[in-house]
Amino acid sequence: MEDYDGVVDVWRRAGLDFKPTGRESRESVEKQLAHFPGTMLVAENDGRIVGVAFGTHDYRKGWINRLSVAPEAQGGGVAKRLVAAIESELERIGVFMLSATIMSDNEKSKSLAGKSGYTHHGNVSYFSKKLRDDW
């Protein structure tokens, strides 16, 4: 949790939609970290956080969430290393199917997913329901 402010800084500078009173609140991130301590990752350069990725799972399927890299560190392989670290940890605990939800206009993330071996399923429709606006 000591990295929380640095994580938020990366999300903001990378342009991620940030929900400070909901799913990305300090309290919510603390709960996530308690449940998924090995897959809530940051990347640092000279002690400054430059990348973030949250891995979660339901013991059947793993998810890569909130992947972001600070603008000055983009293109240097930070995201690829974060994804690989999450994949390795999920495989270690027995989760062998991984997914990522990527917005259709996020070309950088779609490219990374393809290069990392993820298959785009154009025939799948993603549905979600928010029980709270800040989630």
C-alpha atoms as a PDB file:
ATOM      1  CA  MET A   1       0.000   0.000   0.000  1.00  0.00           C
ATOM      2  CA  GLU A   2       2.982   2.283   0.345  1.00  0.00           C
ATOM      3  CA  ASP A   3       3.019   2.437  -3.476  1.00  0.00           C
ATOM      4  CA  TYR A   4      -0.604   3.561  -3.809  1.00  0.00           C
ATOM      5  CA  ASP A   5       0.108   7.226  -4.580  1.00  0.00           C
ATOM      6  CA  GLY A   6       2.710   6.251  -7.184  1.00  0.00           C
ATOM      7  CA  VAL A   7       0.267   3.800  -8.767  1.00  0.00           C
ATOM      8  CA  VAL A   8      -2.401   6.497  -9.010  1.00  0.00           C
ATOM      9  CA  ASP A   9       0.152   8.864 -10.530  1.00  0.00           C
ATOM     10  CA  VAL A  10       0.955   6.346 -13.286  1.00  0.00           C
ATOM     11  CA  TRP A  11      -2.731   5.691 -13.982  1.00  0.00           C
ATOM     12  CA  ARG A  12      -3.413   9.400 -14.328  1.00  0.00           C
ATOM     13  CA  ARG A  13      -0.378  10.161 -16.477  1.00  0.00           C
ATOM     14  CA  ALA A  14      -1.092   7.146 -18.696  1.00  0.00           C
ATOM     15  CA  GLY A  15      -4.667   8.354 -19.220  1.00  0.00           C
ATOM     16  CA  LEU A  16      -6.536   5.532 -17.481  1.00  0.00           C
ATOM     17  CA  ASP A  17     -10.046   6.215 -16.265  1.00  0.00           C
ATOM     18  CA  PHE A  18      -9.521   6.419 -12.508  1.00  0.00           C
ATOM     19  CA  LYS A  19     -12.301   5.836  -9.943  1.00  0.00           C
ATOM     20  CA  PRO A  20     -10.854   7.309  -6.711  1.00  0.00           C
ATOM     21  CA  THR A  21     -13.998   6.760  -4.634  1.00  0.00           C
ATOM     22  CA  GLY A  22     -14.790   3.312  -6.037  1.00  0.00           C
ATOM     23  CA  ARG A  23     -12.834   0.454  -7.519  1.00  0.00           C
ATOM     24  CA  GLU A  24      -9.479   2.250  -7.314  1.00  0.00           C
ATOM     25  CA  SER A  25      -9.968   3.820  -3.905  1.00  0.00           C
ATOM     26  CA  ARG A  26      -7.258   3.186  -1.347  1.00  0.00           C
ATOM     27  CA  GLU A  27      -9.625   0.856   0.543  1.00  0.00           C
ATOM     28  CA  SER A  28     -10.551  -1.132  -2.564  1.00  0.00           C
ATOM     29  CA  VAL A  29      -6.945  -1.527  -3.686  1.00  0.00           C
ATOM     30  CA  GLU A  30      -6.007  -2.647  -0.177  1.00  0.00           C
ATOM     31  CA  LYS A  31      -8.658  -5.403  -0.338  1.00  0.00           C
ATOM     32  CA  GLN A  32      -7.460  -6.476  -3.775  1.00  0.00           C
ATOM     33  CA  LEU A  33      -3.873  -6.574  -2.584  1.00  0.00           C
ATOM     34  CA  ALA A  34      -4.874  -8.776   0.362  1.00  0.00           C
ATOM     35  CA  HIS A  35      -6.548 -11.282  -1.984  1.00  0.00           C
ATOM     36  CA  PHE A  36      -3.984 -11.198  -4.804  1.00  0.00           C
ATOM     37  CA  PRO A  37      -0.622 -10.275  -3.242  1.00  0.00           C
ATOM     38  CA  GLY A  38       1.505 -11.965  -5.908  1.00  0.00           C
ATOM     39  CA  THR A  39      -0.207 -10.415  -8.900  1.00  0.00           C
ATOM     40  CA  MET A  40      -0.630  -6.777  -7.935  1.00  0.00           C
ATOM     41  CA  LEU A  41       2.549  -5.442  -9.476  1.00  0.00           C
ATOM     42  CA  VAL A  42       4.479  -2.244 -10.012  1.00  0.00           C
ATOM     43  CA  ALA A  43       7.577  -1.632 -12.116  1.00  0.00           C
ATOM     44  CA  GLU A  44      10.140   0.871 -10.907  1.00  0.00           C
ATOM     45  CA  ASN A  45      12.931   2.845 -12.500  1.00  0.00           C
ATOM     46  CA  ASP A  46      15.359   4.534 -10.106  1.00  0.00           C
ATOM     47  CA  GLY A  47      12.852   4.098  -7.273  1.00  0.00           C
ATOM     48  CA  ARG A  48       9.965   5.735  -9.156  1.00  0.00           C
ATOM     49  CA  ILE A  49       6.932   3.714 -10.205  1.00  0.00           C
ATOM     50  CA  VAL A  50       6.679   3.648 -14.002  1.00  0.00           C
ATOM     51  CA  GLY A  51       4.314   0.720 -14.562  1.00  0.00           C
ATOM     52  CA  VAL A  52       1.328  -0.958 -12.949  1.00  0.00           C
ATOM     53  CA  ALA A  53      -0.613  -4.171 -13.562  1.00  0.00           C
ATOM     54  CA  PHE A  54      -3.213  -5.873 -11.415  1.00  0.00           C
ATOM     55  CA  GLY A  55      -3.776  -9.576 -11.874  1.00  0.00           C
ATOM     56  CA  THR A  56      -6.881 -11.206 -10.457  1.00  0.00           C
ATOM     57  CA  HIS A  57      -8.455 -14.626 -10.788  1.00  0.00           C
ATOM     58  CA  ASP A  58     -11.311 -16.842  -9.749  1.00  0.00           C
ATOM     59  CA  TYR A  59      -9.112 -19.998  -9.678  1.00  0.00           C
ATOM     60  CA  ARG A  60     -10.493 -20.835 -13.132  1.00  0.00           C
ATOM     61  CA  LYS A  61      -9.570 -17.793 -15.205  1.00  0.00           C
ATOM     62  CA  GLY A  62      -7.110 -15.001 -14.622  1.00  0.00           C
ATOM     63  CA  TRP A  63      -7.498 -11.382 -15.624  1.00  0.00           C
ATOM     64  CA  ILE A  64      -4.974  -8.671 -16.294  1.00  0.00           C
ATOM     65  CA  ASN A  65      -6.374  -5.332 -15.182  1.00  0.00           C
ATOM     66  CA  ARG A  66      -5.256  -1.699 -14.930  1.00  0.00           C
ATOM     67  CA  LEU A  67      -2.123  -2.267 -17.013  1.00  0.00           C
ATOM     68  CA  SER A  68      -0.501   1.095 -17.510  1.00  0.00           C
ATOM     69  CA  VAL A  69       2.942   2.537 -18.112  1.00  0.00           C
ATOM     70  CA  ALA A  70       4.044   6.112 -17.517  1.00  0.00           C
ATOM     71  CA  PRO A  71       4.482   7.990 -20.796  1.00  0.00           C
ATOM     72  CA  GLU A  72       8.260   8.352 -20.417  1.00  0.00           C
ATOM     73  CA  ALA A  73       8.665   4.580 -19.976  1.00  0.00           C
ATOM     74  CA  GLN A  74       6.371   3.436 -22.789  1.00  0.00           C
ATOM     75  CA  GLY A  75       7.974   1.395 -25.546  1.00  0.00           C
ATOM     76  CA  GLY A  76      10.691   0.001 -23.288  1.00  0.00           C
ATOM     77  CA  GLY A  77       9.138  -3.374 -22.520  1.00  0.00           C
ATOM     78  CA  VAL A  78       7.725  -2.496 -19.085  1.00  0.00           C
ATOM     79  CA  ALA A  79       4.179  -3.627 -19.919  1.00  0.00           C
ATOM     80  CA  LYS A  80       5.435  -6.845 -21.487  1.00  0.00           C
ATOM     81  CA  ARG A  81       7.441  -7.685 -18.363  1.00  0.00           C
ATOM     82  CA  LEU A  82       4.494  -6.924 -16.079  1.00  0.00           C
ATOM     83  CA  VAL A  83       2.214  -9.174 -18.147  1.00  0.00           C
ATOM     84  CA  ALA A  84       4.803 -11.969 -18.116  1.00  0.00           C
ATOM     85  CA  ALA A  85       5.190 -11.710 -14.337  1.00  0.00           C
ATOM     86  CA  ILE A  86       1.440 -11.958 -13.788  1.00  0.00           C
ATOM     87  CA  GLU A  87       1.193 -14.887 -16.190  1.00  0.00           C
ATOM     88  CA  SER A  88       3.996 -16.690 -14.374  1.00  0.00           C
ATOM     89  CA  GLU A  89       2.417 -16.223 -10.952  1.00  0.00           C
ATOM     90  CA  LEU A  90      -1.050 -17.282 -12.141  1.00  0.00           C
ATOM     91  CA  GLU A  91       0.403 -20.373 -13.773  1.00  0.00           C
ATOM     92  CA  ARG A  92       2.284 -21.168 -10.546  1.00  0.00           C
ATOM     93  CA  ILE A  93      -0.983 -21.240  -8.595  1.00  0.00           C
ATOM     94  CA  GLY A  94      -2.791 -23.317 -11.230  1.00  0.00           C
ATOM     95  CA  VAL A  95      -4.657 -20.713 -13.291  1.00  0.00           C
ATOM     96  CA  PHE A  96      -4.074 -21.608 -16.934  1.00  0.00           C
ATOM     97  CA  MET A  97      -6.514 -19.370 -18.847  1.00  0.00           C
ATOM     98  CA  LEU A  98      -5.909 -15.646 -18.926  1.00  0.00           C
ATOM     99  CA  SER A  99      -7.953 -12.764 -20.297  1.00  0.00           C
ATOM    100  CA  ALA A 100      -7.651  -9.034 -20.724  1.00  0.00           C
ATOM    101  CA  THR A 101     -10.370  -6.526 -21.466  1.00  0.00           C
ATOM    102  CA  ILE A 102      -9.088  -3.811 -23.783  1.00  0.00           C
ATOM    103  CA  MET A 103     -11.020  -0.812 -25.057  1.00  0.00           C
ATOM    104  CA  SER A 104     -11.469  -0.971 -28.833  1.00  0.00           C
ATOM    105  CA  ASP A 105      -9.530   2.269 -29.440  1.00  0.00           C
ATOM    106  CA  ASN A 106      -6.506   1.234 -27.326  1.00  0.00           C
ATOM    107  CA  GLU A 107      -4.210   0.176 -30.157  1.00  0.00           C
ATOM    108  CA  LYS A 108      -1.070  -0.075 -27.990  1.00  0.00           C
ATOM    109  CA  SER A 109      -2.683  -2.536 -25.590  1.00  0.00           C
ATOM    110  CA  LYS A 110      -4.227  -4.568 -28.397  1.00  0.00           C
ATOM    111  CA  SER A 111      -0.830  -4.804 -30.072  1.00  0.00           C
ATOM    112  CA  LEU A 112       0.815  -5.887 -26.814  1.00  0.00           C
ATOM    113  CA  ALA A 113      -1.869  -8.526 -26.261  1.00  0.00           C
ATOM    114  CA  GLY A 114      -1.364  -9.965 -29.736  1.00  0.00           C
ATOM    115  CA  LYS A 115       2.425  -9.998 -29.375  1.00  0.00           C
ATOM    116  CA  SER A 116       2.002 -11.695 -25.976  1.00  0.00           C
ATOM    117  CA  GLY A 117       0.007 -14.562 -27.489  1.00  0.00           C
ATOM    118  CA  TYR A 118      -3.523 -13.434 -26.631  1.00  0.00           C
ATOM    119  CA  THR A 119      -6.234 -14.130 -29.190  1.00  0.00           C
ATOM    120  CA  HIS A 120      -8.755 -11.462 -30.093  1.00  0.00           C
ATOM    121  CA  HIS A 121     -12.230 -12.989 -30.115  1.00  0.00           C
ATOM    122  CA  GLY A 122     -14.205 -10.634 -32.310  1.00  0.00           C
ATOM    123  CA  ASN A 123     -17.266 -12.833 -31.946  1.00  0.00           C
ATOM    124  CA  VAL A 124     -17.458 -12.310 -28.167  1.00  0.00           C
ATOM    125  CA  SER A 125     -19.598  -9.541 -26.741  1.00  0.00           C
ATOM    126  CA  TYR A 126     -18.550  -8.162 -23.390  1.00  0.00           C
ATOM    127  CA  PHE A 127     -21.340  -7.209 -20.986  1.00  0.00           C
ATOM    128  CA  SER A 128     -20.983  -5.473 -17.662  1.00  0.00           C
ATOM    129  CA  LYS A 129     -23.254  -4.011 -15.056  1.00  0.00           C
ATOM    130  CA  LYS A 130     -22.172  -1.419 -12.534  1.00  0.00           C
ATOM    131  CA  LEU A 131     -23.981  -1.500  -9.236  1.00  0.00           C
ATOM    132  CA  ARG A 132     -22.296   1.806  -8.373  1.00  0.00           C
ATOM    133  CA  ASP A 133     -21.255   4.613 -10.703  1.00  0.00           C
ATOM    134  CA  ASP A 134     -17.784   4.842  -9.163  1.00  0.00           C
ATOM    135  CA  TRP A 135     -16.983   1.195  -9.724  1.00  0.00           C
END
